[in-house]
Protein backbone atom coordinates (compact mmCIF):
# COMPACT_ATOMS: atom_id res chain seq x y z
CA UNK A 1 0.00 0.00 0.00
CA UNK A 2 2.72 2.42 1.03
CA UNK A 3 4.92 1.59 -1.97
CA UNK A 4 1.93 2.01 -4.30
CA UNK A 5 1.38 5.54 -2.97
CA UNK A 6 5.10 6.27 -3.38
CA UNK A 7 5.08 5.01 -6.98
CA UNK A 8 1.98 7.07 -7.77
CA UNK A 9 3.64 10.22 -6.39
CA UNK A 10 6.81 9.51 -8.39
CA UNK A 11 4.79 9.09 -11.58
CA UNK A 12 2.92 12.33 -10.94
CA UNK A 13 6.25 14.08 -10.30
CA UNK A 14 7.63 12.79 -13.60
CA UNK A 15 4.49 13.87 -15.46
CA UNK A 16 4.55 17.36 -13.96
CA UNK A 17 8.25 17.71 -14.79
CA UNK A 18 7.70 16.70 -18.41
CA UNK A 19 4.77 19.11 -18.71
CA UNK A 20 6.81 22.03 -17.33
CA UNK A 21 9.90 21.07 -19.37
CA UNK A 22 8.08 20.84 -22.70
CA UNK A 23 6.07 23.98 -21.95
CA UNK A 24 9.19 26.07 -21.31
CA UNK A 25 11.28 24.70 -24.17
CA UNK A 26 8.30 24.44 -26.51
CA UNK A 27 7.54 28.12 -25.94
CA UNK A 28 11.19 29.08 -26.43
CA UNK A 29 11.43 26.91 -29.54
CA UNK A 30 8.28 28.38 -31.06
CA UNK A 31 9.52 31.95 -30.49
CA UNK A 32 13.20 31.50 -31.37
CA UNK A 33 12.94 28.57 -33.72
CA UNK A 34 14.18 25.16 -32.66
CA UNK A 35 17.55 25.35 -34.50
CA UNK A 36 18.31 28.77 -32.96
CA UNK A 37 17.31 27.56 -29.48
CA UNK A 38 19.50 24.46 -29.72
CA UNK A 39 22.38 26.49 -31.17
CA UNK A 40 22.13 28.97 -28.28
CA UNK A 41 22.04 26.16 -25.72
CA UNK A 42 25.10 24.47 -27.25
CA UNK A 43 27.11 27.69 -27.52
CA UNK A 44 26.27 28.61 -23.92
CA UNK A 45 27.28 25.15 -22.66
CA UNK A 46 30.50 25.26 -24.71
CA UNK A 47 31.39 28.73 -23.43
CA UNK A 48 30.71 27.67 -19.84
CA UNK A 49 32.94 24.63 -20.22
CA UNK A 50 35.84 26.30 -22.01
CA UNK A 51 35.85 29.74 -20.38
CA UNK A 52 35.00 28.71 -16.83
CA UNK A 53 35.52 25.05 -16.04
CA UNK A 54 38.81 24.53 -17.86
CA UNK A 55 40.12 27.86 -16.58
CA UNK A 56 39.38 26.88 -12.97
CA UNK A 57 40.84 23.43 -13.57
CA UNK A 58 44.06 24.99 -14.85
CA UNK A 59 44.31 27.23 -11.79
CA UNK A 60 43.73 24.25 -9.51
CA UNK A 61 46.39 22.17 -11.24
CA UNK A 62 48.93 25.00 -11.06
CA UNK A 63 48.15 25.68 -7.39
CA UNK A 64 48.49 22.00 -6.57
CA UNK A 65 51.85 21.91 -8.32
CA UNK A 66 52.97 25.00 -6.43
CA UNK A 67 51.94 23.34 -3.18
CA UNK A 68 53.99 20.26 -4.04
CA UNK A 69 57.02 22.44 -4.80
CA UNK A 70 56.64 24.27 -1.49
CA UNK A 71 56.49 20.96 0.36
CA UNK A 72 59.41 19.47 -1.55
CA UNK A 73 61.81 22.37 -1.04
CA UNK A 74 61.20 22.95 2.65
CA UNK A 75 59.04 26.06 2.51
CA UNK A 76 56.37 24.17 4.46
CA UNK A 77 58.80 23.50 7.32
CA UNK A 78 59.67 27.19 7.38
CA UNK A 79 55.98 28.14 7.44
CA UNK A 80 55.43 25.74 10.33
CA UNK A 81 58.23 27.34 12.29
CA UNK A 82 57.14 30.93 11.61
CA UNK A 83 53.36 30.61 11.80
CA UNK A 84 52.82 28.04 14.54
CA UNK A 85 52.62 30.73 17.28
CA UNK A 86 49.77 32.37 15.35
CA UNK A 87 47.87 29.38 13.95
CA UNK A 88 47.85 27.20 17.08
CA UNK A 89 45.99 29.62 19.41
CA UNK A 90 43.66 31.00 16.72
CA UNK A 91 42.60 27.87 14.85
CA UNK A 92 44.15 24.95 16.79
CA UNK A 93 46.01 24.09 13.60
CA UNK A 94 49.71 23.74 12.84
CA UNK A 95 51.47 26.60 11.09
CA UNK A 96 51.45 24.81 7.73
CA UNK A 97 47.66 25.18 7.64
CA UNK A 98 48.28 28.74 6.46
CA UNK A 99 49.54 27.22 3.21
CA UNK A 100 46.06 25.75 2.77
CA UNK A 101 44.53 29.19 3.15
CA UNK A 102 46.86 30.59 0.50
CA UNK A 103 46.27 27.68 -1.87
CA UNK A 104 42.50 28.02 -1.48
CA UNK A 105 42.70 31.74 -2.12
CA UNK A 106 44.64 31.06 -5.33
CA UNK A 107 42.49 28.23 -6.62
CA UNK A 108 39.77 26.63 -4.50
CA UNK A 109 39.44 23.67 -2.17
CA UNK A 110 40.72 21.07 -4.69
CA UNK A 111 44.28 22.33 -4.13
CA UNK A 112 43.92 21.46 -0.45
CA UNK A 113 42.97 17.91 -1.35
CA UNK A 114 46.29 17.36 -3.10
CA UNK A 115 48.11 18.72 -0.06
CA UNK A 116 46.32 16.39 2.36
CA UNK A 117 47.43 13.36 0.31
CA UNK A 118 51.10 14.35 0.67
CA UNK A 119 52.65 12.43 3.59
CA UNK A 120 55.33 15.09 4.17
CA UNK A 121 52.62 17.71 4.56
CA UNK A 122 50.01 15.73 6.48
CA UNK A 123 52.47 14.62 9.16
CA UNK A 124 52.13 18.06 10.80
CA UNK A 125 48.45 17.40 11.55
CA UNK A 126 46.60 15.26 14.04
CA UNK A 127 43.79 13.20 12.53
CA UNK A 128 40.98 15.55 13.58
CA UNK A 129 42.95 18.55 12.31
CA UNK A 130 43.59 16.98 8.93
CA UNK A 131 39.89 16.23 8.50
CA UNK A 132 38.89 19.80 9.33
CA UNK A 133 41.77 21.22 7.26
CA UNK A 134 39.87 20.59 4.02
CA UNK A 135 37.24 23.09 5.22
CA UNK A 136 39.63 25.44 7.01
CA UNK A 137 40.23 27.83 4.14
CA UNK A 138 36.88 27.46 2.36
CA UNK A 139 35.51 30.92 3.28
CA UNK A 140 38.48 32.61 1.60
CA UNK A 141 37.39 31.18 -1.74
CA UNK A 142 34.12 33.11 -1.58
CA UNK A 143 35.49 36.49 -0.42
């Protein structure tokens, strides 16, 4: 009985969606012409992918590479030494967490993910700190 009611609601939901979908795109297609509407949709999707997604992906890749270089050449150890007195009382994080804030500011949270996988970097963190580190610098990405 309960599953029958659920299935009926799901079918109604699908029907309402199709009605709204075809009404919107049918109206647009009748005003613009179907080829023009499809061409506009494809050009918009292409522009979104090329101009936005690939651009952000490139920034993320470069920021991740910069983070790896900073870890490899000892800049992270220097950051830990210099910033620990500030980061520990404010955020209960090691000094190297400031690198995450910088990487997030330059790219977005995906750069932090590559840092957390690096054993030389993650050894500065306790388990609970490493888990919260991925969200530590998130607000800077939206400023």
